[in-house]
């Protein structure tokens, strides 16, 4: 199933099963895409995770039914997958800004979260630089931490700040940022701040040595201020490159970001010419 077709079918599946006990894994299985890459691609394209989409749609519908149907809070909580009226009330209040009782009693305004519609725009041809590179396994010296996908976007930059503020910054300069999730789950993953390992040197306490397996990689250059260039290329990988890719699909739960030395540029990682790369492991489609 092509990527755009998979996202469209996933949205349709979620809409049909909003009152069922479905998870991100169920959605990914339905469209035959690995949970790891479906989670990543959906969040990049849509701006929120599958779990957030399902929760927001359920709370939006619950608000409508609270105003238009004679259902109790208990009934709505059970219908939309909450264990108790209290947990439903807390989630409902966070989403709508008013409690269920306020909405029903005072007819206060509620928020609407409309279902996604996948629109494909024809913008003419585009170019996206990348190369295919076969790389042997390589070993890195790294500081490692486990993250939850839900909060990783906010927590990983803090991890880098903590790293350079600590003693570890003397041993690992941060040539790579590596995401490792061999099971390609949608929950937690290991993240490495890493350099190439020198086997003749001692491994300082608190650091780890990891081997990244041999893969064929799609390598995407990123030029410009680091955070913006990486975000832009990540989005284009899932919105442009992957939908148009007839030959390759993602192969494994690894993603590597390679960073050039910041001191080579007048404005460091914020320089308009700063260079980095995103490496995605790929394989030929069946």
Protein backbone atom coordinates (compact mmCIF):
# COMPACT_ATOMS: atom_id res chain seq x y z
CA UNK A 1 0.00 0.00 0.00
CA UNK A 2 1.42 3.39 -0.98
CA UNK A 3 2.00 5.93 1.79
CA UNK A 4 -0.73 8.40 0.83
CA UNK A 5 -3.21 5.56 0.39
CA UNK A 6 -2.15 4.15 3.76
CA UNK A 7 -2.75 7.48 5.56
CA UNK A 8 -6.12 7.91 3.85
CA UNK A 9 -7.19 4.38 4.76
CA UNK A 10 -5.92 4.83 8.33
CA UNK A 11 -8.07 7.95 8.80
CA UNK A 12 -11.11 6.10 7.45
CA UNK A 13 -10.43 3.16 9.77
CA UNK A 14 -10.08 5.39 12.84
CA UNK A 15 -13.31 7.24 12.04
CA UNK A 16 -15.21 3.95 11.77
CA UNK A 17 -13.83 2.67 15.07
CA UNK A 18 -13.78 5.73 17.34
CA UNK A 19 -15.99 4.00 19.90
CA UNK A 20 -13.97 0.78 19.79
CA UNK A 21 -10.88 -0.05 21.81
CA UNK A 22 -8.30 0.63 19.09
CA UNK A 23 -4.64 1.53 19.41
CA UNK A 24 -1.98 2.92 17.11
CA UNK A 25 -0.81 -0.67 16.53
CA UNK A 26 -4.29 -1.65 15.31
CA UNK A 27 -4.29 1.25 12.84
CA UNK A 28 -0.77 0.50 11.58
CA UNK A 29 -1.60 -3.21 11.22
CA UNK A 30 -4.73 -2.35 9.25
CA UNK A 31 -2.73 -0.43 6.64
CA UNK A 32 0.24 -2.87 6.71
CA UNK A 33 2.83 -0.29 7.78
CA UNK A 34 5.23 -0.84 10.66
CA UNK A 35 4.05 0.95 13.84
CA UNK A 36 7.43 2.69 14.16
CA UNK A 37 7.29 4.47 10.81
CA UNK A 38 3.54 4.91 10.71
CA UNK A 39 3.68 6.71 14.06
CA UNK A 40 6.58 8.90 12.93
CA UNK A 41 5.11 9.72 9.52
CA UNK A 42 1.59 10.40 10.76
CA UNK A 43 2.85 12.77 13.45
CA UNK A 44 5.11 14.66 11.03
CA UNK A 45 2.39 15.05 8.41
CA UNK A 46 -0.54 15.79 10.71
CA UNK A 47 1.07 17.56 13.66
CA UNK A 48 -0.18 15.13 16.30
CA UNK A 49 0.06 11.42 17.02
CA UNK A 50 -2.53 8.76 16.18
CA UNK A 51 -3.37 8.52 19.88
CA UNK A 52 -3.92 12.29 20.12
CA UNK A 53 -6.06 12.25 16.98
CA UNK A 54 -8.31 9.49 18.33
CA UNK A 55 -8.60 11.17 21.74
CA UNK A 56 -9.42 14.58 20.27
CA UNK A 57 -12.02 13.14 17.90
CA UNK A 58 -13.68 11.22 20.75
CA UNK A 59 -13.81 14.25 23.02
CA UNK A 60 -15.15 16.39 20.18
CA UNK A 61 -17.96 13.91 19.51
CA UNK A 62 -18.63 13.54 23.24
CA UNK A 63 -19.14 17.30 23.48
CA UNK A 64 -21.63 17.26 20.62
CA UNK A 65 -23.55 14.37 22.16
CA UNK A 66 -23.60 16.04 25.55
CA UNK A 67 -25.54 18.92 23.99
CA UNK A 68 -27.76 16.95 21.65
CA UNK A 69 -28.47 13.61 23.32
CA UNK A 70 -29.84 12.51 26.66
CA UNK A 71 -26.76 10.55 27.72
CA UNK A 72 -25.26 10.58 31.20
CA UNK A 73 -21.61 11.41 31.82
CA UNK A 74 -21.12 7.75 32.79
CA UNK A 75 -22.57 6.59 29.47
CA UNK A 76 -20.39 8.99 27.50
CA UNK A 77 -17.31 7.96 29.46
CA UNK A 78 -17.92 4.28 28.72
CA UNK A 79 -18.77 4.94 25.06
CA UNK A 80 -15.55 6.83 24.40
CA UNK A 81 -13.16 4.54 26.22
CA UNK A 82 -12.73 6.06 29.70
CA UNK A 83 -12.55 3.91 32.81
CA UNK A 84 -14.56 6.26 35.01
CA UNK A 85 -16.63 9.46 34.91
CA UNK A 86 -13.80 11.23 36.76
CA UNK A 87 -11.15 10.44 34.14
CA UNK A 88 -13.58 11.40 31.38
CA UNK A 89 -14.46 14.67 33.12
CA UNK A 90 -10.78 15.62 33.51
CA UNK A 91 -10.00 14.90 29.84
CA UNK A 92 -13.19 16.63 28.67
CA UNK A 93 -12.41 19.75 30.71
CA UNK A 94 -8.83 19.95 29.43
CA UNK A 95 -10.04 19.68 25.84
CA UNK A 96 -13.14 21.89 25.89
CA UNK A 97 -12.20 24.29 28.68
CA UNK A 98 -15.44 23.51 30.55
CA UNK A 99 -16.63 20.53 32.55
CA UNK A 100 -19.42 18.30 31.18
CA UNK A 101 -21.82 19.65 33.82
CA UNK A 102 -21.05 23.26 32.80
CA UNK A 103 -21.61 22.47 29.14
CA UNK A 104 -24.91 20.72 29.76
CA UNK A 105 -26.23 23.20 32.31
CA UNK A 106 -25.08 26.47 30.76
CA UNK A 107 -24.82 25.47 27.08
CA UNK A 108 -21.28 26.83 27.04
CA UNK A 109 -19.22 26.79 23.87
CA UNK A 110 -17.37 23.59 23.06
CA UNK A 111 -14.48 22.85 20.74
CA UNK A 112 -14.88 20.99 17.48
CA UNK A 113 -12.08 18.74 16.21
CA UNK A 114 -12.99 17.86 12.63
CA UNK A 115 -11.92 14.59 11.00
CA UNK A 116 -8.85 14.77 8.82
CA UNK A 117 -9.23 14.83 5.07
CA UNK A 118 -6.14 13.99 3.08
CA UNK A 119 -5.73 16.50 0.27
CA UNK A 120 -3.13 15.91 -2.40
CA UNK A 121 -2.14 19.12 -4.19
CA UNK A 122 -0.52 19.10 -7.61
CA UNK A 123 2.31 21.61 -7.37
CA UNK A 124 4.34 20.57 -10.39
CA UNK A 125 7.63 18.77 -10.15
CA UNK A 126 9.94 19.13 -7.20
CA UNK A 127 13.50 18.19 -6.50
CA UNK A 128 14.75 16.59 -3.32
CA UNK A 129 18.39 15.71 -3.00
CA UNK A 130 19.27 12.32 -1.59
CA UNK A 131 21.63 9.46 -2.24
CA UNK A 132 21.56 5.73 -1.60
CA UNK A 133 24.57 4.53 0.39
CA UNK A 134 25.49 1.05 1.57
CA UNK A 135 27.33 1.34 4.87
CA UNK A 136 29.02 -1.36 6.89
CA UNK A 137 28.20 -1.67 10.57
CA UNK A 138 29.89 1.03 12.64
CA UNK A 139 30.49 1.42 16.34
CA UNK A 140 29.92 4.55 18.40
CA UNK A 141 30.78 5.82 21.85
CA UNK A 142 27.68 7.41 23.25
CA UNK A 143 25.64 8.73 26.09
CA UNK A 144 22.29 6.94 26.05
CA UNK A 145 18.82 7.72 27.34
CA UNK A 146 15.38 6.23 26.83
CA UNK A 147 12.51 8.45 25.72
CA UNK A 148 8.79 8.18 25.27
CA UNK A 149 7.74 9.14 21.74
CA UNK A 150 5.01 11.38 23.12
CA UNK A 151 7.43 13.83 24.78
CA UNK A 152 10.62 13.26 22.80
CA UNK A 153 10.39 16.42 20.71
CA UNK A 154 10.63 18.55 23.88
CA UNK A 155 12.93 16.33 25.93
CA UNK A 156 15.71 15.48 23.47
CA UNK A 157 16.95 19.11 23.12
CA UNK A 158 17.12 19.24 26.93
CA UNK A 159 19.13 16.00 26.88
CA UNK A 160 21.67 17.64 24.57
CA UNK A 161 21.90 20.66 26.88
CA UNK A 162 22.44 18.41 29.90
CA UNK A 163 25.08 16.45 28.01
CA UNK A 164 27.23 19.47 27.17
CA UNK A 165 26.82 20.86 30.68
CA UNK A 166 28.17 17.62 32.14
CA UNK A 167 31.57 15.92 32.13
CA UNK A 168 30.41 13.68 29.28
CA UNK A 169 30.66 16.60 26.88
CA UNK A 170 34.45 16.27 27.09
CA UNK A 171 34.36 12.73 25.71
CA UNK A 172 31.50 12.83 23.17
CA UNK A 173 31.27 15.88 20.91
CA UNK A 174 27.99 14.79 19.32
CA UNK A 175 28.70 13.87 15.71
CA UNK A 176 25.52 11.78 15.66
CA UNK A 177 22.03 11.76 17.12
CA UNK A 178 20.74 8.19 16.77
CA UNK A 179 17.22 6.87 17.34
CA UNK A 180 17.14 3.11 18.04
CA UNK A 181 13.91 1.10 18.26
CA UNK A 182 14.57 -2.47 17.00
CA UNK A 183 10.99 -3.56 17.73
CA UNK A 184 9.70 -0.49 15.84
CA UNK A 185 7.17 0.22 18.57
CA UNK A 186 5.17 3.36 19.21
CA UNK A 187 6.05 3.77 22.88
CA UNK A 188 9.69 4.16 23.85
CA UNK A 189 13.06 4.24 22.11
CA UNK A 190 16.74 4.62 22.90
CA UNK A 191 18.46 7.82 21.83
CA UNK A 192 22.22 8.23 21.54
CA UNK A 193 24.40 11.31 21.45
CA UNK A 194 27.40 9.70 19.80
CA UNK A 195 30.83 9.85 18.15
CA UNK A 196 32.74 7.19 16.25
CA UNK A 197 34.26 4.78 18.78
CA UNK A 198 38.03 4.56 19.13
CA UNK A 199 38.69 0.97 20.29
CA UNK A 200 42.11 1.91 21.71
CA UNK A 201 40.62 4.42 24.16
CA UNK A 202 39.03 3.69 27.53
CA UNK A 203 35.26 3.99 27.87
CA UNK A 204 34.49 6.64 30.52
CA UNK A 205 32.05 5.74 33.26
CA UNK A 206 28.44 6.41 32.26
CA UNK A 207 29.06 6.08 28.52
CA UNK A 208 28.15 3.12 26.32
CA UNK A 209 29.52 1.48 23.17
CA UNK A 210 26.91 0.58 20.54
CA UNK A 211 27.17 -0.98 17.10
CA UNK A 212 24.83 0.30 14.39
CA UNK A 213 24.11 -2.55 11.94
CA UNK A 214 25.00 -2.50 8.26
CA UNK A 215 22.17 -1.10 6.14
CA UNK A 216 21.43 0.48 2.83
CA UNK A 217 20.59 4.05 3.77
CA UNK A 218 18.72 6.86 2.07
CA UNK A 219 20.84 9.89 2.97
CA UNK A 220 19.20 13.33 2.91
CA UNK A 221 21.36 16.48 3.13
CA UNK A 222 20.12 19.30 5.37
CA UNK A 223 21.56 22.76 4.78
CA UNK A 224 20.76 25.75 6.99
CA UNK A 225 20.10 26.48 10.67
CA UNK A 226 20.03 23.05 12.29
CA UNK A 227 16.61 22.79 13.93
CA UNK A 228 14.73 24.27 10.98
CA UNK A 229 16.59 22.35 8.27
CA UNK A 230 16.11 18.99 10.02
CA UNK A 231 12.41 19.65 10.58
CA UNK A 232 11.92 20.69 6.95
CA UNK A 233 13.66 17.65 5.51
CA UNK A 234 11.90 15.27 7.90
CA UNK A 235 8.56 16.65 6.74
CA UNK A 236 9.54 16.39 3.07
CA UNK A 237 10.68 12.78 3.51
CA UNK A 238 7.16 11.79 4.56
CA UNK A 239 5.14 14.23 2.47
CA UNK A 240 7.11 14.15 -0.80
CA UNK A 241 9.83 11.51 -1.01
CA UNK A 242 8.01 8.52 0.51
CA UNK A 243 4.68 8.95 -1.37
CA UNK A 244 6.53 9.21 -4.69
CA UNK A 245 8.99 6.39 -4.00
CA UNK A 246 8.30 3.37 -6.25
CA UNK A 247 11.25 1.20 -5.26
CA UNK A 248 12.13 1.55 -1.59
CA UNK A 249 10.48 1.28 1.82
CA UNK A 250 11.80 1.74 5.34
CA UNK A 251 13.75 -1.25 6.57
CA UNK A 252 14.36 -1.02 10.32
CA UNK A 253 13.88 0.96 13.51
CA UNK A 254 16.90 3.20 13.19
CA UNK A 255 17.28 6.85 12.25
CA UNK A 256 20.63 8.67 12.22
CA UNK A 257 21.26 12.39 12.17
CA UNK A 258 24.85 13.30 11.31
CA UNK A 259 26.08 16.80 12.25
CA UNK A 260 29.03 18.67 10.81
CA UNK A 261 31.42 20.37 13.26
CA UNK A 262 29.77 23.60 14.44
CA UNK A 263 33.06 25.47 14.71
CA UNK A 264 33.47 25.35 10.92
CA UNK A 265 30.67 27.92 10.55
CA UNK A 266 30.59 31.59 11.66
CA UNK A 267 27.23 31.16 13.40
CA UNK A 268 27.67 27.56 14.48
CA UNK A 269 24.63 25.32 14.11
CA UNK A 270 22.51 28.41 13.43
CA UNK A 271 24.51 29.32 10.32
CA UNK A 272 22.65 29.55 7.02
CA UNK A 273 25.21 27.18 5.49
CA UNK A 274 25.38 24.66 8.35
CA UNK A 275 25.35 21.07 7.06
CA UNK A 276 23.77 17.94 8.51
CA UNK A 277 22.32 14.69 7.17
CA UNK A 278 19.39 12.39 7.94
CA UNK A 279 19.99 8.68 7.31
CA UNK A 280 16.99 6.34 6.92
CA UNK A 281 17.53 2.55 6.50
CA UNK A 282 15.73 1.27 3.40
CA UNK A 283 15.08 -1.93 1.47
CA UNK A 284 13.59 -2.80 -1.91
CA UNK A 285 9.83 -3.21 -1.94
CA UNK A 286 8.55 -6.74 -2.38
